[in-house]
PDB file of N, CA and C in Angstrom:
ATOM      1  N   MET A   1      58.870  -7.052 146.561  1.00  0.00           N
ATOM      2  CA  MET A   1      59.373  -8.014 145.604  1.00  0.00           C
ATOM      3  C   MET A   1      58.251  -8.900 145.078  1.00  0.00           C
ATOM      4  N   ALA A   2      57.378  -9.333 145.985  1.00  0.00           N
ATOM      5  CA  ALA A   2      56.257 -10.181 145.575  1.00  0.00           C
ATOM      6  C   ALA A   2      55.335  -9.426 144.626  1.00  0.00           C
ATOM      7  N   THR A   3      55.165  -8.111 144.862  1.00  0.00           N
ATOM      8  CA  THR A   3      54.318  -7.298 143.991  1.00  0.00           C
ATOM      9  C   THR A   3      54.868  -7.261 142.575  1.00  0.00           C
ATOM     10  N   VAL A   4      56.170  -7.122 142.453  1.00  0.00           N
ATOM     11  CA  VAL A   4      56.808  -7.114 141.139  1.00  0.00           C
ATOM     12  C   VAL A   4      56.590  -8.445 140.434  1.00  0.00           C
ATOM     13  N   ALA A   5      56.734  -9.539 141.145  1.00  0.00           N
ATOM     14  CA  ALA A   5      56.531 -10.867 140.557  1.00  0.00           C
ATOM     15  C   ALA A   5      55.093 -11.034 140.083  1.00  0.00           C
ATOM     16  N   VAL A   6      54.139 -10.584 140.888  1.00  0.00           N
ATOM     17  CA  VAL A   6      52.723 -10.684 140.504  1.00  0.00           C
ATOM     18  C   VAL A   6      52.456  -9.844 139.256  1.00  0.00           C
ATOM     19  N   MET A   7      53.033  -8.631 139.205  1.00  0.00           N
ATOM     20  CA  MET A   7      52.845  -7.775 138.031  1.00  0.00           C
ATOM     21  C   MET A   7      53.439  -8.411 136.786  1.00  0.00           C
ATOM     22  N   LEU A   8      54.627  -9.010 136.914  1.00  0.00           N
ATOM     23  CA  LEU A   8      55.245  -9.675 135.770  1.00  0.00           C
ATOM     24  C   LEU A   8      54.391 -10.829 135.261  1.00  0.00           C
ATOM     25  N   ILE A   9      53.846 -11.604 136.170  1.00  0.00           N
ATOM     26  CA  ILE A   9      52.973 -12.717 135.780  1.00  0.00           C
ATOM     27  C   ILE A   9      51.725 -12.180 135.094  1.00  0.00           C
ATOM     28  N   PHE A  10      51.119 -11.147 135.670  1.00  0.00           N
ATOM     29  CA  PHE A  10      49.911 -10.545 135.115  1.00  0.00           C
ATOM     30  C   PHE A  10      50.149 -10.049 133.694  1.00  0.00           C
ATOM     31  N   PHE A  11      51.219  -9.260 133.485  1.00  0.00           N
ATOM     32  CA  PHE A  11      51.492  -8.729 132.165  1.00  0.00           C
ATOM     33  C   PHE A  11      51.896  -9.822 131.182  1.00  0.00           C
ATOM     34  N   SER A  12      52.544 -10.879 131.653  1.00  0.00           N
ATOM     35  CA  SER A  12      52.881 -12.003 130.778  1.00  0.00           C
ATOM     36  C   SER A  12      51.626 -12.693 130.282  1.00  0.00           C
ATOM     37  N   ILE A  13      50.661 -12.864 131.160  1.00  0.00           N
ATOM     38  CA  ILE A  13      49.395 -13.498 130.764  1.00  0.00           C
ATOM     39  C   ILE A  13      48.686 -12.638 129.725  1.00  0.00           C
ATOM     40  N   ILE A  14      48.623 -11.328 129.969  1.00  0.00           N
ATOM     41  CA  ILE A  14      47.978 -10.427 129.006  1.00  0.00           C
ATOM     42  C   ILE A  14      48.728 -10.461 127.683  1.00  0.00           C
ATOM     43  N   TYR A  15      50.033 -10.377 127.733  1.00  0.00           N
ATOM     44  CA  TYR A  15      50.851 -10.332 126.524  1.00  0.00           C
ATOM     45  C   TYR A  15      50.623 -11.569 125.663  1.00  0.00           C
ATOM     46  N   PHE A  16      50.713 -12.742 126.266  1.00  0.00           N
ATOM     47  CA  PHE A  16      50.592 -13.957 125.478  1.00  0.00           C
ATOM     48  C   PHE A  16      49.151 -14.279 125.081  1.00  0.00           C
ATOM     49  N   SER A  17      48.163 -13.713 125.776  1.00  0.00           N
ATOM     50  CA  SER A  17      46.779 -13.976 125.406  1.00  0.00           C
ATOM     51  C   SER A  17      46.326 -13.117 124.238  1.00  0.00           C
ATOM     52  N   VAL A  18      46.970 -11.966 124.013  1.00  0.00           N
ATOM     53  CA  VAL A  18      46.542 -11.103 122.919  1.00  0.00           C
ATOM     54  C   VAL A  18      47.582 -10.950 121.819  1.00  0.00           C
ATOM     55  N   LYS A  19      48.748 -11.498 122.002  1.00  0.00           N
ATOM     56  CA  LYS A  19      49.808 -11.341 121.009  1.00  0.00           C
ATOM     57  C   LYS A  19      49.356 -11.865 119.653  1.00  0.00           C
ATOM     58  N   GLY A  20      49.523 -11.033 118.629  1.00  0.00           N
ATOM     59  CA  GLY A  20      49.213 -11.443 117.274  1.00  0.00           C
ATOM     60  C   GLY A  20      47.748 -11.344 116.909  1.00  0.00           C
ATOM     61  N   LYS A  21      46.884 -10.944 117.842  1.00  0.00           N
ATOM     62  CA  LYS A  21      45.474 -10.779 117.482  1.00  0.00           C
ATOM     63  C   LYS A  21      45.356  -9.591 116.543  1.00  0.00           C
ATOM     64  N   ASN A  22      44.335  -9.615 115.683  1.00  0.00           N
ATOM     65  CA  ASN A  22      44.233  -8.511 114.732  1.00  0.00           C
ATOM     66  C   ASN A  22      43.569  -7.297 115.353  1.00  0.00           C
ATOM     67  N   VAL A  23      43.658  -6.175 114.651  1.00  0.00           N
ATOM     68  CA  VAL A  23      43.147  -4.902 115.136  1.00  0.00           C
ATOM     69  C   VAL A  23      41.998  -4.493 114.221  1.00  0.00           C
ATOM     70  N   GLU A  24      40.842  -5.124 114.391  1.00  0.00           N
ATOM     71  CA  GLU A  24      39.673  -4.831 113.571  1.00  0.00           C
ATOM     72  C   GLU A  24      40.013  -4.821 112.081  1.00  0.00           C
ATOM     73  N   SER A  25      40.931  -5.649 111.668  1.00  0.00           N
ATOM     74  CA  SER A  25      41.280  -5.777 110.252  1.00  0.00           C
ATOM     75  C   SER A  25      41.781  -7.196 110.062  1.00  0.00           C
ATOM     76  N   ASN A  26      42.203  -7.504 108.872  1.00  0.00           N
ATOM     77  CA  ASN A  26      42.685  -8.852 108.590  1.00  0.00           C
ATOM     78  C   ASN A  26      44.185  -8.978 108.750  1.00  0.00           C
ATOM     79  N   ARG A  27      44.829  -7.988 109.312  1.00  0.00           N
ATOM     80  CA  ARG A  27      46.278  -8.012 109.444  1.00  0.00           C
ATOM     81  C   ARG A  27      46.681  -8.391 110.870  1.00  0.00           C
ATOM     82  N   PHE A  28      47.682  -9.236 110.969  1.00  0.00           N
ATOM     83  CA  PHE A  28      48.220  -9.568 112.284  1.00  0.00           C
ATOM     84  C   PHE A  28      49.286  -8.553 112.634  1.00  0.00           C
ATOM     85  N   ILE A  29      49.217  -8.046 113.839  1.00  0.00           N
ATOM     86  CA  ILE A  29      50.112  -6.982 114.271  1.00  0.00           C
ATOM     87  C   ILE A  29      50.796  -7.420 115.555  1.00  0.00           C
ATOM     88  N   PRO A  30      52.107  -7.294 115.639  1.00  0.00           N
ATOM     89  CA  PRO A  30      52.800  -7.693 116.868  1.00  0.00           C
ATOM     90  C   PRO A  30      52.359  -6.834 118.040  1.00  0.00           C
ATOM     91  N   PHE A  31      52.208  -7.446 119.188  1.00  0.00           N
ATOM     92  CA  PHE A  31      51.715  -6.748 120.365  1.00  0.00           C
ATOM     93  C   PHE A  31      52.835  -6.603 121.378  1.00  0.00           C
ATOM     94  N   GLY A  32      53.103  -5.389 121.814  1.00  0.00           N
ATOM     95  CA  GLY A  32      54.177  -5.140 122.766  1.00  0.00           C
ATOM     96  C   GLY A  32      53.669  -5.031 124.186  1.00  0.00           C
ATOM     97  N   GLU A  33      54.565  -5.157 125.117  1.00  0.00           N
ATOM     98  CA  GLU A  33      54.210  -5.085 126.532  1.00  0.00           C
ATOM     99  C   GLU A  33      53.687  -3.704 126.919  1.00  0.00           C
ATOM    100  N   ASP A  34      54.031  -2.678 126.141  1.00  0.00           N
ATOM    101  CA  ASP A  34      53.582  -1.323 126.452  1.00  0.00           C
ATOM    102  C   ASP A  34      52.294  -0.971 125.717  1.00  0.00           C
ATOM    103  N   GLY A  35      51.614  -1.953 125.152  1.00  0.00           N
ATOM    104  CA  GLY A  35      50.376  -1.697 124.428  1.00  0.00           C
ATOM    105  C   GLY A  35      50.606  -1.276 122.998  1.00  0.00           C
ATOM    106  N   CYS A  36      51.853  -1.237 122.569  1.00  0.00           N
ATOM    107  CA  CYS A  36      52.177  -0.839 121.208  1.00  0.00           C
ATOM    108  C   CYS A  36      51.869  -1.985 120.256  1.00  0.00           C
ATOM    109  N   LEU A  37      51.008  -1.707 119.279  1.00  0.00           N
ATOM    110  CA  LEU A  37      50.628  -2.721 118.300  1.00  0.00           C
ATOM    111  C   LEU A  37      51.545  -2.708 117.091  1.00  0.00           C
ATOM    112  N   PHE A  38      52.041  -1.529 116.761  1.00  0.00           N
ATOM    113  CA  PHE A  38      52.839  -1.398 115.547  1.00  0.00           C
ATOM    114  C   PHE A  38      53.677  -0.135 115.644  1.00  0.00           C
ATOM    115  N   GLU A  39      54.864  -0.156 115.082  1.00  0.00           N
ATOM    116  CA  GLU A  39      55.733   1.019 115.012  1.00  0.00           C
ATOM    117  C   GLU A  39      56.154   1.252 113.577  1.00  0.00           C
ATOM    118  N   VAL A  40      56.127   2.510 113.164  1.00  0.00           N
ATOM    119  CA  VAL A  40      56.609   2.879 111.837  1.00  0.00           C
ATOM    120  C   VAL A  40      57.461   4.140 111.970  1.00  0.00           C
ATOM    121  N   LYS A  41      58.292   4.379 110.994  1.00  0.00           N
ATOM    122  CA  LYS A  41      59.132   5.582 110.962  1.00  0.00           C
ATOM    123  C   LYS A  41      58.603   6.452 109.815  1.00  0.00           C
ATOM    124  N   ILE A  42      58.260   7.709 110.127  1.00  0.00           N
ATOM    125  CA  ILE A  42      57.749   8.614 109.102  1.00  0.00           C
ATOM    126  C   ILE A  42      58.476   9.957 109.176  1.00  0.00           C
ATOM    127  N   ARG A  43      58.317  10.742 108.116  1.00  0.00           N
ATOM    128  CA  ARG A  43      58.792  12.130 108.123  1.00  0.00           C
ATOM    129  C   ARG A  43      57.607  12.996 108.541  1.00  0.00           C
ATOM    130  N   LEU A  44      57.792  13.809 109.572  1.00  0.00           N
ATOM    131  CA  LEU A  44      56.716  14.660 110.062  1.00  0.00           C
ATOM    132  C   LEU A  44      56.348  15.695 109.009  1.00  0.00           C
ATOM    133  N   LYS A  45      55.039  15.961 108.899  1.00  0.00           N
ATOM    134  CA  LYS A  45      54.543  16.841 107.862  1.00  0.00           C
ATOM    135  C   LYS A  45      53.977  18.158 108.398  1.00  0.00           C
ATOM    136  N   GLY A  46      53.923  18.319 109.725  1.00  0.00           N
ATOM    137  CA  GLY A  46      53.352  19.535 110.276  1.00  0.00           C
ATOM    138  C   GLY A  46      51.844  19.467 110.421  1.00  0.00           C
ATOM    139  N   ASP A  47      51.274  18.297 110.155  1.00  0.00           N
ATOM    140  CA  ASP A  47      49.826  18.100 110.205  1.00  0.00           C
ATOM    141  C   ASP A  47      49.569  16.708 110.773  1.00  0.00           C
ATOM    142  N   GLU A  48      48.913  16.645 111.923  1.00  0.00           N
ATOM    143  CA  GLU A  48      48.683  15.370 112.593  1.00  0.00           C
ATOM    144  C   GLU A  48      47.929  14.376 111.708  1.00  0.00           C
ATOM    145  N   GLY A  49      46.922  14.864 110.986  1.00  0.00           N
ATOM    146  CA  GLY A  49      46.149  13.994 110.096  1.00  0.00           C
ATOM    147  C   GLY A  49      47.019  13.364 109.010  1.00  0.00           C
ATOM    148  N   GLU A  50      47.905  14.171 108.434  1.00  0.00           N
ATOM    149  CA  GLU A  50      48.812  13.655 107.397  1.00  0.00           C
ATOM    150  C   GLU A  50      49.821  12.665 107.976  1.00  0.00           C
ATOM    151  N   ASP A  51      50.285  12.930 109.192  1.00  0.00           N
ATOM    152  CA  ASP A  51      51.204  11.996 109.851  1.00  0.00           C
ATOM    153  C   ASP A  51      50.528  10.648 110.078  1.00  0.00           C
ATOM    154  N   ILE A  52      49.267  10.682 110.483  1.00  0.00           N
ATOM    155  CA  ILE A  52      48.520   9.434 110.719  1.00  0.00           C
ATOM    156  C   ILE A  52      48.313   8.687 109.410  1.00  0.00           C
ATOM    157  N   LYS A  53      47.975   9.403 108.336  1.00  0.00           N
ATOM    158  CA  LYS A  53      47.823   8.752 107.019  1.00  0.00           C
ATOM    159  C   LYS A  53      49.138   8.105 106.589  1.00  0.00           C
ATOM    160  N   SER A  54      50.254   8.822 106.797  1.00  0.00           N
ATOM    161  CA  SER A  54      51.571   8.268 106.444  1.00  0.00           C
ATOM    162  C   SER A  54      51.881   7.019 107.256  1.00  0.00           C
ATOM    163  N   SER A  55      51.504   7.052 108.534  1.00  0.00           N
ATOM    164  CA  SER A  55      51.753   5.903 109.409  1.00  0.00           C
ATOM    165  C   SER A  55      50.967   4.687 108.940  1.00  0.00           C
ATOM    166  N   PHE A  56      49.702   4.897 108.626  1.00  0.00           N
ATOM    167  CA  PHE A  56      48.897   3.791 108.103  1.00  0.00           C
ATOM    168  C   PHE A  56      49.442   3.293 106.767  1.00  0.00           C
ATOM    169  N   ALA A  57      49.874   4.215 105.912  1.00  0.00           N
ATOM    170  CA  ALA A  57      50.430   3.816 104.611  1.00  0.00           C
ATOM    171  C   ALA A  57      51.656   2.930 104.798  1.00  0.00           C
ATOM    172  N   GLN A  58      52.493   3.248 105.817  1.00  0.00           N
ATOM    173  CA  GLN A  58      53.659   2.410 106.108  1.00  0.00           C
ATOM    174  C   GLN A  58      53.234   0.993 106.507  1.00  0.00           C
ATOM    175  N   MET A  59      52.048   0.887 107.122  1.00  0.00           N
ATOM    176  CA  MET A  59      51.514  -0.421 107.504  1.00  0.00           C
ATOM    177  C   MET A  59      50.858  -1.127 106.320  1.00  0.00           C
ATOM    178  N   GLY A  60      50.621  -0.387 105.227  1.00  0.00           N
ATOM    179  CA  GLY A  60      49.938  -0.954 104.076  1.00  0.00           C
ATOM    180  C   GLY A  60      48.430  -0.776 104.127  1.00  0.00           C
ATOM    181  N   ILE A  61      47.948   0.099 105.007  1.00  0.00           N
ATOM    182  CA  ILE A  61      46.504   0.330 105.135  1.00  0.00           C
ATOM    183  C   ILE A  61      46.184   1.679 104.502  1.00  0.00           C
ATOM    184  N   THR A  62      45.453   1.652 103.391  1.00  0.00           N
ATOM    185  CA  THR A  62      45.097   2.883 102.693  1.00  0.00           C
ATOM    186  C   THR A  62      43.594   3.141 102.701  1.00  0.00           C
ATOM    187  N   ASN A  63      42.797   2.171 103.084  1.00  0.00           N
ATOM    188  CA  ASN A  63      41.347   2.305 103.114  1.00  0.00           C
ATOM    189  C   ASN A  63      40.911   3.148 104.319  1.00  0.00           C
ATOM    190  N   GLU A  64      40.195   4.242 104.071  1.00  0.00           N
ATOM    191  CA  GLU A  64      39.802   5.159 105.136  1.00  0.00           C
ATOM    192  C   GLU A  64      38.882   4.500 106.161  1.00  0.00           C
ATOM    193  N   LYS A  65      37.952   3.662 105.716  1.00  0.00           N
ATOM    194  CA  LYS A  65      37.048   2.986 106.654  1.00  0.00           C
ATOM    195  C   LYS A  65      37.839   2.057 107.581  1.00  0.00           C
ATOM    196  N   GLU A  66      38.793   1.355 107.016  1.00  0.00           N
ATOM    197  CA  GLU A  66      39.636   0.467 107.824  1.00  0.00           C
ATOM    198  C   GLU A  66      40.447   1.275 108.842  1.00  0.00           C
ATOM    199  N   ARG A  67      40.956   2.431 108.425  1.00  0.00           N
ATOM    200  CA  ARG A  67      41.699   3.299 109.343  1.00  0.00           C
ATOM    201  C   ARG A  67      40.814   3.732 110.506  1.00  0.00           C
ATOM    202  N   GLN A  68      39.599   4.173 110.188  1.00  0.00           N
ATOM    203  CA  GLN A  68      38.678   4.627 111.227  1.00  0.00           C
ATOM    204  C   GLN A  68      38.307   3.502 112.183  1.00  0.00           C
ATOM    205  N   ASP A  69      38.125   2.296 111.651  1.00  0.00           N
ATOM    206  CA  ASP A  69      37.835   1.134 112.504  1.00  0.00           C
ATOM    207  C   ASP A  69      38.969   0.899 113.494  1.00  0.00           C
ATOM    208  N   ILE A  70      40.191   0.978 113.012  1.00  0.00           N
ATOM    209  CA  ILE A  70      41.355   0.762 113.872  1.00  0.00           C
ATOM    210  C   ILE A  70      41.459   1.863 114.927  1.00  0.00           C
ATOM    211  N   LEU A  71      41.149   3.110 114.538  1.00  0.00           N
ATOM    212  CA  LEU A  71      41.291   4.239 115.464  1.00  0.00           C
ATOM    213  C   LEU A  71      40.185   4.300 116.515  1.00  0.00           C
ATOM    214  N   ARG A  72      39.163   3.458 116.401  1.00  0.00           N
ATOM    215  CA  ARG A  72      38.125   3.419 117.445  1.00  0.00           C
ATOM    216  C   ARG A  72      38.695   2.938 118.779  1.00  0.00           C
ATOM    217  N   SER A  73      39.658   2.022 118.726  1.00  0.00           N
ATOM    218  CA  SER A  73      40.193   1.460 119.968  1.00  0.00           C
ATOM    219  C   SER A  73      41.710   1.630 120.103  1.00  0.00           C
ATOM    220  N   ASN A  74      42.299   2.412 119.190  1.00  0.00           N
ATOM    221  CA  ASN A  74      43.751   2.599 119.187  1.00  0.00           C
ATOM    222  C   ASN A  74      44.078   4.049 118.847  1.00  0.00           C
ATOM    223  N   THR A  75      45.296   4.472 119.182  1.00  0.00           N
ATOM    224  CA  THR A  75      45.738   5.845 118.946  1.00  0.00           C
ATOM    225  C   THR A  75      47.180   5.830 118.456  1.00  0.00           C
ATOM    226  N   TRP A  76      47.497   6.709 117.508  1.00  0.00           N
ATOM    227  CA  TRP A  76      48.888   6.906 117.101  1.00  0.00           C
ATOM    228  C   TRP A  76      49.528   7.898 118.052  1.00  0.00           C
ATOM    229  N   ILE A  77      50.704   7.576 118.562  1.00  0.00           N
ATOM    230  CA  ILE A  77      51.455   8.525 119.377  1.00  0.00           C
ATOM    231  C   ILE A  77      52.822   8.754 118.733  1.00  0.00           C
ATOM    232  N   TYR A  78      53.379   9.920 119.009  1.00  0.00           N
ATOM    233  CA  TYR A  78      54.677  10.308 118.448  1.00  0.00           C
ATOM    234  C   TYR A  78      55.797   9.835 119.353  1.00  0.00           C
ATOM    235  N   GLY A  79      56.815   9.231 118.745  1.00  0.00           N
ATOM    236  CA  GLY A  79      57.996   8.832 119.492  1.00  0.00           C
ATOM    237  C   GLY A  79      58.854  10.035 119.825  1.00  0.00           C
ATOM    238  N   GLN A  80      59.903   9.807 120.591  1.00  0.00           N
ATOM    239  CA  GLN A  80      60.790  10.893 121.037  1.00  0.00           C
ATOM    240  C   GLN A  80      62.101  10.925 120.272  1.00  0.00           C
ATOM    241  N   ASP A  81      62.105  10.344 119.095  1.00  0.00           N
ATOM    242  CA  ASP A  81      63.360  10.177 118.364  1.00  0.00           C
ATOM    243  C   ASP A  81      63.468  11.090 117.141  1.00  0.00           C
ATOM    244  N   LEU A  82      62.964  12.305 117.238  1.00  0.00           N
ATOM    245  CA  LEU A  82      63.028  13.255 116.131  1.00  0.00           C
ATOM    246  C   LEU A  82      64.476  13.461 115.702  1.00  0.00           C
ATOM    247  N   ASP A  83      64.722  13.361 114.392  1.00  0.00           N
ATOM    248  CA  ASP A  83      66.087  13.595 113.908  1.00  0.00           C
ATOM    249  C   ASP A  83      66.134  14.853 113.039  1.00  0.00           C
ATOM    250  N   GLU A  84      67.298  15.147 112.493  1.00  0.00           N
ATOM    251  CA  GLU A  84      67.484  16.378 111.728  1.00  0.00           C
ATOM    252  C   GLU A  84      66.703  16.399 110.418  1.00  0.00           C
ATOM    253  N   ASP A  85      66.229  15.242 109.962  1.00  0.00           N
ATOM    254  CA  ASP A  85      65.425  15.150 108.745  1.00  0.00           C
ATOM    255  C   ASP A  85      63.928  15.125 109.055  1.00  0.00           C
ATOM    256  N   PHE A  86      63.561  15.429 110.301  1.00  0.00           N
ATOM    257  CA  PHE A  86      62.175  15.413 110.776  1.00  0.00           C
ATOM    258  C   PHE A  86      61.539  14.027 110.685  1.00  0.00           C
ATOM    259  N   MET A  87      62.367  13.009 110.839  1.00  0.00           N
ATOM    260  CA  MET A  87      61.880  11.632 110.886  1.00  0.00           C
ATOM    261  C   MET A  87      61.649  11.262 112.349  1.00  0.00           C
ATOM    262  N   CYS A  88      60.582  10.510 112.605  1.00  0.00           N
ATOM    263  CA  CYS A  88      60.343  10.020 113.960  1.00  0.00           C
ATOM    264  C   CYS A  88      59.525   8.734 113.898  1.00  0.00           C
ATOM    265  N   THR A  89      59.517   8.031 115.008  1.00  0.00           N
ATOM    266  CA  THR A  89      58.747   6.803 115.138  1.00  0.00           C
ATOM    267  C   THR A  89      57.331   7.144 115.562  1.00  0.00           C
ATOM    268  N   MET A  90      56.370   6.510 114.918  1.00  0.00           N
ATOM    269  CA  MET A  90      54.969   6.611 115.330  1.00  0.00           C
ATOM    270  C   MET A  90      54.587   5.233 115.866  1.00  0.00           C
ATOM    271  N   LYS A  91      53.863   5.224 116.993  1.00  0.00           N
ATOM    272  CA  LYS A  91      53.426   3.966 117.598  1.00  0.00           C
ATOM    273  C   LYS A  91      51.910   3.919 117.614  1.00  0.00           C
ATOM    274  N   LEU A  92      51.369   2.799 117.128  1.00  0.00           N
ATOM    275  CA  LEU A  92      49.937   2.556 117.234  1.00  0.00           C
ATOM    276  C   LEU A  92      49.717   1.827 118.550  1.00  0.00           C
ATOM    277  N   VAL A  93      48.993   2.481 119.462  1.00  0.00           N
ATOM    278  CA  VAL A  93      48.858   1.994 120.837  1.00  0.00           C
ATOM    279  C   VAL A  93      47.379   1.786 121.153  1.00  0.00           C
ATOM    280  N   ARG A  94      47.091   0.682 121.823  1.00  0.00           N
ATOM    281  CA  ARG A  94      45.718   0.457 122.290  1.00  0.00           C
ATOM    282  C   ARG A  94      45.352   1.559 123.274  1.00  0.00           C
ATOM    283  N   ASN A  95      44.137   2.095 123.144  1.00  0.00           N
ATOM    284  CA  ASN A  95      43.696   3.198 124.006  1.00  0.00           C
ATOM    285  C   ASN A  95      43.798   2.848 125.483  1.00  0.00           C
ATOM    286  N   LYS A  96      43.516   1.603 125.837  1.00  0.00           N
ATOM    287  CA  LYS A  96      43.544   1.236 127.254  1.00  0.00           C
ATOM    288  C   LYS A  96      44.957   1.254 127.833  1.00  0.00           C
ATOM    289  N   PHE A  97      45.976   1.350 126.977  1.00  0.00           N
ATOM    290  CA  PHE A  97      47.362   1.396 127.447  1.00  0.00           C
ATOM    291  C   PHE A  97      47.935   2.815 127.441  1.00  0.00           C
ATOM    292  N   LEU A  98      47.134   3.811 127.060  1.00  0.00           N
ATOM    293  CA  LEU A  98      47.657   5.176 126.969  1.00  0.00           C
ATOM    294  C   LEU A  98      48.164   5.702 128.301  1.00  0.00           C
ATOM    295  N   SER A  99      47.635   5.181 129.396  1.00  0.00           N
ATOM    296  CA  SER A  99      48.105   5.650 130.703  1.00  0.00           C
ATOM    297  C   SER A  99      49.575   5.295 130.942  1.00  0.00           C
ATOM    298  N   PHE A 100      50.102   4.321 130.201  1.00  0.00           N
ATOM    299  CA  PHE A 100      51.523   3.985 130.317  1.00  0.00           C
ATOM    300  C   PHE A 100      52.403   5.101 129.744  1.00  0.00           C
ATOM    301  N   TYR A 101      51.812   5.924 128.890  1.00  0.00           N
ATOM    302  CA  TYR A 101      52.562   7.009 128.269  1.00  0.00           C
ATOM    303  C   TYR A 101      52.204   8.290 129.003  1.00  0.00           C
ATOM    304  N   SER A 102      53.095   8.766 129.803  1.00  0.00           N
ATOM    305  CA  SER A 102      52.848   9.929 130.658  1.00  0.00           C
ATOM    306  C   SER A 102      52.438  11.138 129.831  1.00  0.00           C
ATOM    307  N   LYS A 103      51.466  11.899 130.331  1.00  0.00           N
ATOM    308  CA  LYS A 103      51.058  13.111 129.621  1.00  0.00           C
ATOM    309  C   LYS A 103      52.154  14.172 129.671  1.00  0.00           C
ATOM    310  N   TYR A 104      53.146  13.965 130.513  1.00  0.00           N
ATOM    311  CA  TYR A 104      54.250  14.914 130.587  1.00  0.00           C
ATOM    312  C   TYR A 104      55.419  14.514 129.686  1.00  0.00           C
ATOM    313  N   GLU A 105      55.294  13.370 129.043  1.00  0.00           N
ATOM    314  CA  GLU A 105      56.339  12.889 128.152  1.00  0.00           C
ATOM    315  C   GLU A 105      56.171  13.575 126.801  1.00  0.00           C
ATOM    316  N   TRP A 106      57.211  14.192 126.316  1.00  0.00           N
ATOM    317  CA  TRP A 106      57.137  14.899 125.042  1.00  0.00           C
ATOM    318  C   TRP A 106      57.438  13.959 123.897  1.00  0.00           C
ATOM    319  N   GLY A 107      56.612  14.008 122.862  1.00  0.00           N
ATOM    320  CA  GLY A 107      56.882  13.293 121.630  1.00  0.00           C
ATOM    321  C   GLY A 107      57.521  14.255 120.640  1.00  0.00           C
ATOM    322  N   SER A 108      57.844  13.755 119.473  1.00  0.00           N
ATOM    323  CA  SER A 108      58.516  14.580 118.461  1.00  0.00           C
ATOM    324  C   SER A 108      57.672  15.773 118.044  1.00  0.00           C
ATOM    325  N   ARG A 109      56.354  15.599 117.940  1.00  0.00           N
ATOM    326  CA  ARG A 109      55.477  16.720 117.585  1.00  0.00           C
ATOM    327  C   ARG A 109      55.598  17.829 118.630  1.00  0.00           C
ATOM    328  N   ASP A 110      55.599  17.447 119.905  1.00  0.00           N
ATOM    329  CA  ASP A 110      55.715  18.429 120.983  1.00  0.00           C
ATOM    330  C   ASP A 110      57.050  19.155 120.929  1.00  0.00           C
ATOM    331  N   LEU A 111      58.112  18.444 120.579  1.00  0.00           N
ATOM    332  CA  LEU A 111      59.428  19.076 120.459  1.00  0.00           C
ATOM    333  C   LEU A 111      59.419  20.154 119.381  1.00  0.00           C
ATOM    334  N   LEU A 112      58.773  19.845 118.251  1.00  0.00           N
ATOM    335  CA  LEU A 112      58.692  20.840 117.182  1.00  0.00           C
ATOM    336  C   LEU A 112      57.953  22.086 117.659  1.00  0.00           C
ATOM    337  N   GLU A 113      56.868  21.876 118.389  1.00  0.00           N
ATOM    338  CA  GLU A 113      56.054  23.004 118.844  1.00  0.00           C
ATOM    339  C   GLU A 113      56.735  23.811 119.942  1.00  0.00           C
ATOM    340  N   LYS A 114      57.204  23.133 120.963  1.00  0.00           N
ATOM    341  CA  LYS A 114      57.682  23.831 122.156  1.00  0.00           C
ATOM    342  C   LYS A 114      59.113  24.343 122.036  1.00  0.00           C
ATOM    343  N   ILE A 115      59.945  23.635 121.308  1.00  0.00           N
ATOM    344  CA  ILE A 115      61.348  24.043 121.227  1.00  0.00           C
ATOM    345  C   ILE A 115      61.628  24.850 119.964  1.00  0.00           C
ATOM    346  N   LEU A 116      61.089  24.384 118.823  1.00  0.00           N
ATOM    347  CA  LEU A 116      61.355  25.086 117.566  1.00  0.00           C
ATOM    348  C   LEU A 116      60.300  26.129 117.236  1.00  0.00           C
ATOM    349  N   GLY A 117      59.165  26.128 117.964  1.00  0.00           N
ATOM    350  CA  GLY A 117      58.128  27.118 117.728  1.00  0.00           C
ATOM    351  C   GLY A 117      57.305  26.876 116.475  1.00  0.00           C
ATOM    352  N   ILE A 118      57.318  25.652 115.962  1.00  0.00           N
ATOM    353  CA  ILE A 118      56.536  25.308 114.769  1.00  0.00           C
ATOM    354  C   ILE A 118      55.130  24.933 115.208  1.00  0.00           C
ATOM    355  N   GLU A 119      54.125  25.603 114.633  1.00  0.00           N
ATOM    356  CA  GLU A 119      52.735  25.308 114.993  1.00  0.00           C
ATOM    357  C   GLU A 119      52.257  24.093 114.206  1.00  0.00           C
ATOM    358  N   TYR A 120      51.837  23.072 114.928  1.00  0.00           N
ATOM    359  CA  TYR A 120      51.411  21.835 114.316  1.00  0.00           C
ATOM    360  C   TYR A 120      49.898  21.842 114.135  1.00  0.00           C
ATOM    361  N   ILE A 121      49.407  21.387 113.013  1.00  0.00           N
ATOM    362  CA  ILE A 121      47.964  21.267 112.779  1.00  0.00           C
ATOM    363  C   ILE A 121      47.511  19.986 113.452  1.00  0.00           C
ATOM    364  N   ARG A 122      46.592  20.123 114.404  1.00  0.00           N
ATOM    365  CA  ARG A 122      46.139  18.968 115.186  1.00  0.00           C
ATOM    366  C   ARG A 122      44.719  18.579 114.799  1.00  0.00           C
ATOM    367  N   LEU A 123      44.429  17.298 114.956  1.00  0.00           N
ATOM    368  CA  LEU A 123      43.073  16.821 114.755  1.00  0.00           C
ATOM    369  C   LEU A 123      42.188  17.292 115.893  1.00  0.00           C
ATOM    370  N   PRO A 124      40.916  17.549 115.612  1.00  0.00           N
ATOM    371  CA  PRO A 124      40.015  17.937 116.708  1.00  0.00           C
ATOM    372  C   PRO A 124      39.838  16.776 117.681  1.00  0.00           C
ATOM    373  N   LYS A 125      39.714  17.106 118.959  1.00  0.00           N
ATOM    374  CA  LYS A 125      39.497  16.079 119.985  1.00  0.00           C
ATOM    375  C   LYS A 125      38.080  15.552 119.854  1.00  0.00           C
ATOM    376  N   VAL A 126      37.954  14.230 119.966  1.00  0.00           N
ATOM    377  CA  VAL A 126      36.623  13.594 119.839  1.00  0.00           C
ATOM    378  C   VAL A 126      36.071  13.262 121.187  1.00  0.00           C
TER     379      VAL A 126
END
């Protein structure tokens, strides 16, 4: 029980110390307890690069240099809410919080690939 209380205090301190800080840009982005900086809903395009561009466009960021700056310390991940119109939530997550998202957790892109057999175009690993 004491461990849970200490963890809650720790995460509260982190949350309130970084909430609303910008992400290498001039925009303030809400900060979630799971490391999620921003969430948008997009229609999947079958191409990871295009999905990321759409996600940034939903945020109002169209400048490629600004996108690359943000992606140095953050990653877009696919939500698990794929619907019949191929819409899903994309989350911009700080890289240091990626461990909160299990590698065994399937996102909408994975569902398309593994269940429907649709081959997704992926960005090269850096």
